[in-house]
Every structure is written in C-alpha cells, then in structure tokens.
C-alpha cells in the first residue's frame, strides 16, 4: 500500500501535491496558468516572478485568486 500523497491547503481545501515542487509547478499541475493568478503563500503575497523559485512543503497554505480581465 502506497503512503498518502502530501497535501497543500489550497483555498481551504486539502489538495494532493507531488512534493517537492514549487508554486509554479503546483499551479500547472492544477491546470492554472501561473500568469493568470495571484498567490498568497502561508499568509504572504508572492510576486509572480517568485513562483518558480518558491518551494512548497506539506501543510503549506495557498490562497489562489484568478485574475479576470474585462470591460
């Protein structure tokens, strides 16, 4: 029996994550283009330029908001 996959809390929902990974890798795995969202990691805003360098650990909390353009 395989151990359970580690989880990240994304928008309040426990979500399996292939750790180790970065915020960018997590977003892509969730089907979210990294440039289409704003992310808060453990309570701190993260610049999009940091997504590829910011590692995630089991139990980390992400708040992910989709950017919507329109007029």
C-alpha atoms as a PDB file:
ATOM      1  CA  UNK A   1       0.000   0.000   0.000  1.00  0.00           C
ATOM      2  CA  UNK A   2       1.367   3.397  -1.013  1.00  0.00           C
ATOM      3  CA  UNK A   3       1.573   6.163   1.572  1.00  0.00           C
ATOM      4  CA  UNK A   4      -0.834   9.054   1.007  1.00  0.00           C
ATOM      5  CA  UNK A   5       0.420  11.899  -1.161  1.00  0.00           C
ATOM      6  CA  UNK A   6       1.461  15.006   0.806  1.00  0.00           C
ATOM      7  CA  UNK A   7      -1.110  17.782   0.833  1.00  0.00           C
ATOM      8  CA  UNK A   8      -1.132  21.537   0.351  1.00  0.00           C
ATOM      9  CA  UNK A   9      -4.108  23.543   1.621  1.00  0.00           C
ATOM     10  CA  UNK A  10      -5.266  25.483  -1.451  1.00  0.00           C
ATOM     11  CA  UNK A  11      -8.125  27.930  -0.862  1.00  0.00           C
ATOM     12  CA  UNK A  12      -9.051  25.999   2.267  1.00  0.00           C
ATOM     13  CA  UNK A  13      -9.151  22.594   0.539  1.00  0.00           C
ATOM     14  CA  UNK A  14      -6.590  19.855   1.186  1.00  0.00           C
ATOM     15  CA  UNK A  15      -5.055  19.123  -2.221  1.00  0.00           C
ATOM     16  CA  UNK A  16      -2.603  16.328  -3.024  1.00  0.00           C
ATOM     17  CA  UNK A  17       0.749  17.632  -4.262  1.00  0.00           C
ATOM     18  CA  UNK A  18       3.766  15.891  -5.784  1.00  0.00           C
ATOM     19  CA  UNK A  19       6.323  17.308  -3.364  1.00  0.00           C
ATOM     20  CA  UNK A  20       8.918  18.646  -3.582  1.00  0.00           C
ATOM     21  CA  UNK A  21       7.611  21.236  -6.011  1.00  0.00           C
ATOM     22  CA  UNK A  22       7.460  24.980  -6.498  1.00  0.00           C
ATOM     23  CA  UNK A  23       4.381  27.187  -6.525  1.00  0.00           C
ATOM     24  CA  UNK A  24       4.629  27.311 -10.323  1.00  0.00           C
ATOM     25  CA  UNK A  25       4.748  23.508 -10.627  1.00  0.00           C
ATOM     26  CA  UNK A  26       1.768  23.183  -8.273  1.00  0.00           C
ATOM     27  CA  UNK A  27      -0.259  25.719 -10.266  1.00  0.00           C
ATOM     28  CA  UNK A  28       0.474  23.961 -13.565  1.00  0.00           C
ATOM     29  CA  UNK A  29      -0.481  20.595 -12.021  1.00  0.00           C
ATOM     30  CA  UNK A  30      -3.825  22.174 -11.018  1.00  0.00           C
ATOM     31  CA  UNK A  31      -4.408  23.419 -14.566  1.00  0.00           C
ATOM     32  CA  UNK A  32      -3.828  27.061 -13.644  1.00  0.00           C
ATOM     33  CA  UNK A  33      -1.551  29.139 -15.885  1.00  0.00           C
ATOM     34  CA  UNK A  34       0.841  30.838 -13.411  1.00  0.00           C
ATOM     35  CA  UNK A  35       0.440  34.258 -15.041  1.00  0.00           C
ATOM     36  CA  UNK A  36      -3.353  34.160 -14.609  1.00  0.00           C
ATOM     37  CA  UNK A  37      -3.396  34.081 -10.793  1.00  0.00           C
ATOM     38  CA  UNK A  38      -2.386  35.975  -7.667  1.00  0.00           C
ATOM     39  CA  UNK A  39      -0.981  33.787  -4.871  1.00  0.00           C
ATOM     40  CA  UNK A  40      -0.602  34.139  -1.125  1.00  0.00           C
ATOM     41  CA  UNK A  41       1.721  31.537   0.471  1.00  0.00           C
ATOM     42  CA  UNK A  42       1.338  30.982   4.215  1.00  0.00           C
ATOM     43  CA  UNK A  43      -0.164  34.457   4.599  1.00  0.00           C
ATOM     44  CA  UNK A  44       2.356  36.376   2.467  1.00  0.00           C
ATOM     45  CA  UNK A  45       1.773  37.669  -1.071  1.00  0.00           C
ATOM     46  CA  UNK A  46       4.127  36.137  -3.643  1.00  0.00           C
ATOM     47  CA  UNK A  47       5.295  38.006  -6.743  1.00  0.00           C
ATOM     48  CA  UNK A  48       4.735  36.035  -9.958  1.00  0.00           C
ATOM     49  CA  UNK A  49       8.487  36.233 -10.595  1.00  0.00           C
ATOM     50  CA  UNK A  50       8.975  34.131  -7.419  1.00  0.00           C
ATOM     51  CA  UNK A  51       6.562  31.286  -8.341  1.00  0.00           C
ATOM     52  CA  UNK A  52       9.304  29.181  -9.997  1.00  0.00           C
ATOM     53  CA  UNK A  53      11.684  29.644  -7.041  1.00  0.00           C
ATOM     54  CA  UNK A  54       9.322  29.300  -4.059  1.00  0.00           C
ATOM     55  CA  UNK A  55       9.275  25.702  -2.764  1.00  0.00           C
ATOM     56  CA  UNK A  56       6.212  24.189  -1.130  1.00  0.00           C
ATOM     57  CA  UNK A  57       6.155  21.853   1.863  1.00  0.00           C
ATOM     58  CA  UNK A  58       3.427  19.549   3.137  1.00  0.00           C
ATOM     59  CA  UNK A  59       0.805  21.526   5.035  1.00  0.00           C
ATOM     60  CA  UNK A  60       1.601  24.866   3.391  1.00  0.00           C
ATOM     61  CA  UNK A  61      -1.383  27.118   2.775  1.00  0.00           C
ATOM     62  CA  UNK A  62      -2.040  28.818  -0.542  1.00  0.00           C
ATOM     63  CA  UNK A  63      -4.731  31.301  -1.406  1.00  0.00           C
ATOM     64  CA  UNK A  64      -5.087  31.428  -5.181  1.00  0.00           C
ATOM     65  CA  UNK A  65      -7.189  34.072  -6.920  1.00  0.00           C
ATOM     66  CA  UNK A  66      -7.769  34.023 -10.672  1.00  0.00           C
ATOM     67  CA  UNK A  67      -7.191  37.325 -12.449  1.00  0.00           C
ATOM     68  CA  UNK A  68     -10.161  38.261 -14.596  1.00  0.00           C
ATOM     69  CA  UNK A  69      -9.895  40.962 -17.235  1.00  0.00           C
ATOM     70  CA  UNK A  70     -12.896  42.516 -18.830  1.00  0.00           C
ATOM     71  CA  UNK A  71     -14.703  45.652 -19.520  1.00  0.00           C
END
